[in-house]
Amino acid sequence: MTNADGFDELISGIETEMSQALIEKGGTAVVTLARIAGVIYTEAIAAGVPHVLAQEMATDYWVKEMHPQEVLLADDPDSE
């Protein structure tokens, strides 16, 4: 094994660990966002908001957090 091979192996290991950490961090963020969307829905229902509207509120939050650059209003005629 040459120094170049050892270095490449070390870098590959670090890259793998960083990728795994990034995947775990992303997963944790998605779970947190899902929980918040669920709280939005639950609290809206508890406050007397109709199911469909509460569901739209939670969905709006989810979409804005997951795709902040692509938010379009469904009822906006200019968005099509």
C-alpha atoms as a PDB file:
ATOM      1  CA  MET A   1       0.000   0.000   0.000  1.00  0.00           C
ATOM      2  CA  THR A   2       1.463   3.348  -1.012  1.00  0.00           C
ATOM      3  CA  ASN A   3       0.925   6.667   0.692  1.00  0.00           C
ATOM      4  CA  ALA A   4      -1.371   7.703  -2.157  1.00  0.00           C
ATOM      5  CA  ASP A   5      -3.559   4.638  -1.630  1.00  0.00           C
ATOM      6  CA  GLY A   6      -3.700   5.261   2.120  1.00  0.00           C
ATOM      7  CA  PHE A   7      -4.606   8.889   1.560  1.00  0.00           C
ATOM      8  CA  ASP A   8      -7.330   7.994  -0.947  1.00  0.00           C
ATOM      9  CA  GLU A   9      -8.720   5.420   1.481  1.00  0.00           C
ATOM     10  CA  LEU A  10      -8.711   7.957   4.325  1.00  0.00           C
ATOM     11  CA  ILE A  11     -10.478  10.573   2.186  1.00  0.00           C
ATOM     12  CA  SER A  12     -13.017   8.008   1.006  1.00  0.00           C
ATOM     13  CA  GLY A  13     -13.791   7.055   4.614  1.00  0.00           C
ATOM     14  CA  ILE A  14     -14.226  10.688   5.631  1.00  0.00           C
ATOM     15  CA  GLU A  15     -16.467  11.306   2.622  1.00  0.00           C
ATOM     16  CA  THR A  16     -18.629   8.313   3.521  1.00  0.00           C
ATOM     17  CA  GLU A  17     -18.973   9.470   7.142  1.00  0.00           C
ATOM     18  CA  MET A  18     -19.870  13.004   6.060  1.00  0.00           C
ATOM     19  CA  SER A  19     -22.476  11.706   3.610  1.00  0.00           C
ATOM     20  CA  GLN A  20     -24.052   9.536   6.292  1.00  0.00           C
ATOM     21  CA  ALA A  21     -24.113  12.449   8.732  1.00  0.00           C
ATOM     22  CA  LEU A  22     -25.752  14.671   6.117  1.00  0.00           C
ATOM     23  CA  ILE A  23     -28.413  12.040   5.391  1.00  0.00           C
ATOM     24  CA  GLU A  24     -29.139  11.660   9.115  1.00  0.00           C
ATOM     25  CA  LYS A  25     -29.342  15.430   9.578  1.00  0.00           C
ATOM     26  CA  GLY A  26     -31.757  15.721   6.638  1.00  0.00           C
ATOM     27  CA  GLY A  27     -33.885  12.905   8.011  1.00  0.00           C
ATOM     28  CA  THR A  28     -34.064  14.556  11.416  1.00  0.00           C
ATOM     29  CA  ALA A  29     -35.132  17.831   9.796  1.00  0.00           C
ATOM     30  CA  VAL A  30     -37.888  16.117   7.780  1.00  0.00           C
ATOM     31  CA  VAL A  31     -39.227  14.345  10.872  1.00  0.00           C
ATOM     32  CA  THR A  32     -39.273  17.658  12.748  1.00  0.00           C
ATOM     33  CA  LEU A  33     -41.116  19.384   9.888  1.00  0.00           C
ATOM     34  CA  ALA A  34     -43.654  16.542   9.752  1.00  0.00           C
ATOM     35  CA  ARG A  35     -44.271  16.876  13.479  1.00  0.00           C
ATOM     36  CA  ILE A  36     -44.777  20.631  13.164  1.00  0.00           C
ATOM     37  CA  ALA A  37     -47.202  20.139  10.267  1.00  0.00           C
ATOM     38  CA  GLY A  38     -49.083  17.652  12.433  1.00  0.00           C
ATOM     39  CA  VAL A  39     -49.242  20.146  15.297  1.00  0.00           C
ATOM     40  CA  ILE A  40     -50.547  22.819  12.930  1.00  0.00           C
ATOM     41  CA  TYR A  41     -53.323  20.464  11.818  1.00  0.00           C
ATOM     42  CA  THR A  42     -54.151  19.259  15.337  1.00  0.00           C
ATOM     43  CA  GLU A  43     -54.210  22.737  16.838  1.00  0.00           C
ATOM     44  CA  ALA A  44     -56.328  24.072  13.989  1.00  0.00           C
ATOM     45  CA  ILE A  45     -58.861  21.270  14.464  1.00  0.00           C
ATOM     46  CA  ALA A  46     -58.874  21.891  18.223  1.00  0.00           C
ATOM     47  CA  ALA A  47     -59.586  25.570  17.541  1.00  0.00           C
ATOM     48  CA  GLY A  48     -62.609  24.650  15.423  1.00  0.00           C
ATOM     49  CA  VAL A  49     -61.081  25.051  11.969  1.00  0.00           C
ATOM     50  CA  PRO A  50     -62.772  22.726   9.452  1.00  0.00           C
ATOM     51  CA  HIS A  51     -60.803  19.607   8.474  1.00  0.00           C
ATOM     52  CA  VAL A  52     -60.183  20.676   4.865  1.00  0.00           C
ATOM     53  CA  LEU A  53     -58.871  24.094   5.870  1.00  0.00           C
ATOM     54  CA  ALA A  54     -56.708  22.637   8.661  1.00  0.00           C
ATOM     55  CA  GLN A  55     -55.299  20.141   6.186  1.00  0.00           C
ATOM     56  CA  GLU A  56     -54.524  22.945   3.719  1.00  0.00           C
ATOM     57  CA  MET A  57     -52.812  24.938   6.472  1.00  0.00           C
ATOM     58  CA  ALA A  58     -50.571  21.988   7.361  1.00  0.00           C
ATOM     59  CA  THR A  59     -49.899  21.280   3.686  1.00  0.00           C
ATOM     60  CA  ASP A  60     -48.992  24.917   3.015  1.00  0.00           C
ATOM     61  CA  TYR A  61     -46.465  24.816   5.849  1.00  0.00           C
ATOM     62  CA  TRP A  62     -44.994  21.538   4.581  1.00  0.00           C
ATOM     63  CA  VAL A  63     -44.652  22.794   1.002  1.00  0.00           C
ATOM     64  CA  LYS A  64     -43.092  26.093   2.072  1.00  0.00           C
ATOM     65  CA  GLU A  65     -40.526  24.311   4.223  1.00  0.00           C
ATOM     66  CA  MET A  66     -39.710  21.526   1.773  1.00  0.00           C
ATOM     67  CA  HIS A  67     -39.677  23.662  -1.392  1.00  0.00           C
ATOM     68  CA  PRO A  68     -39.267  27.309  -0.335  1.00  0.00           C
ATOM     69  CA  GLN A  69     -38.196  28.387  -3.831  1.00  0.00           C
ATOM     70  CA  GLU A  70     -41.237  26.858  -5.532  1.00  0.00           C
ATOM     71  CA  VAL A  71     -44.199  28.194  -3.592  1.00  0.00           C
ATOM     72  CA  LEU A  72     -47.209  28.870  -5.819  1.00  0.00           C
ATOM     73  CA  LEU A  73     -50.680  29.794  -4.716  1.00  0.00           C
ATOM     74  CA  ALA A  74     -53.262  27.373  -6.103  1.00  0.00           C
ATOM     75  CA  ASP A  75     -55.933  30.060  -6.542  1.00  0.00           C
ATOM     76  CA  ASP A  76     -53.595  32.615  -8.116  1.00  0.00           C
ATOM     77  CA  PRO A  77     -54.420  32.835 -11.856  1.00  0.00           C
ATOM     78  CA  ASP A  78     -50.943  34.295 -12.547  1.00  0.00           C
ATOM     79  CA  SER A  79     -49.234  31.185 -11.155  1.00  0.00           C
ATOM     80  CA  GLU A  80     -50.173  28.970 -14.096  1.00  0.00           C
END
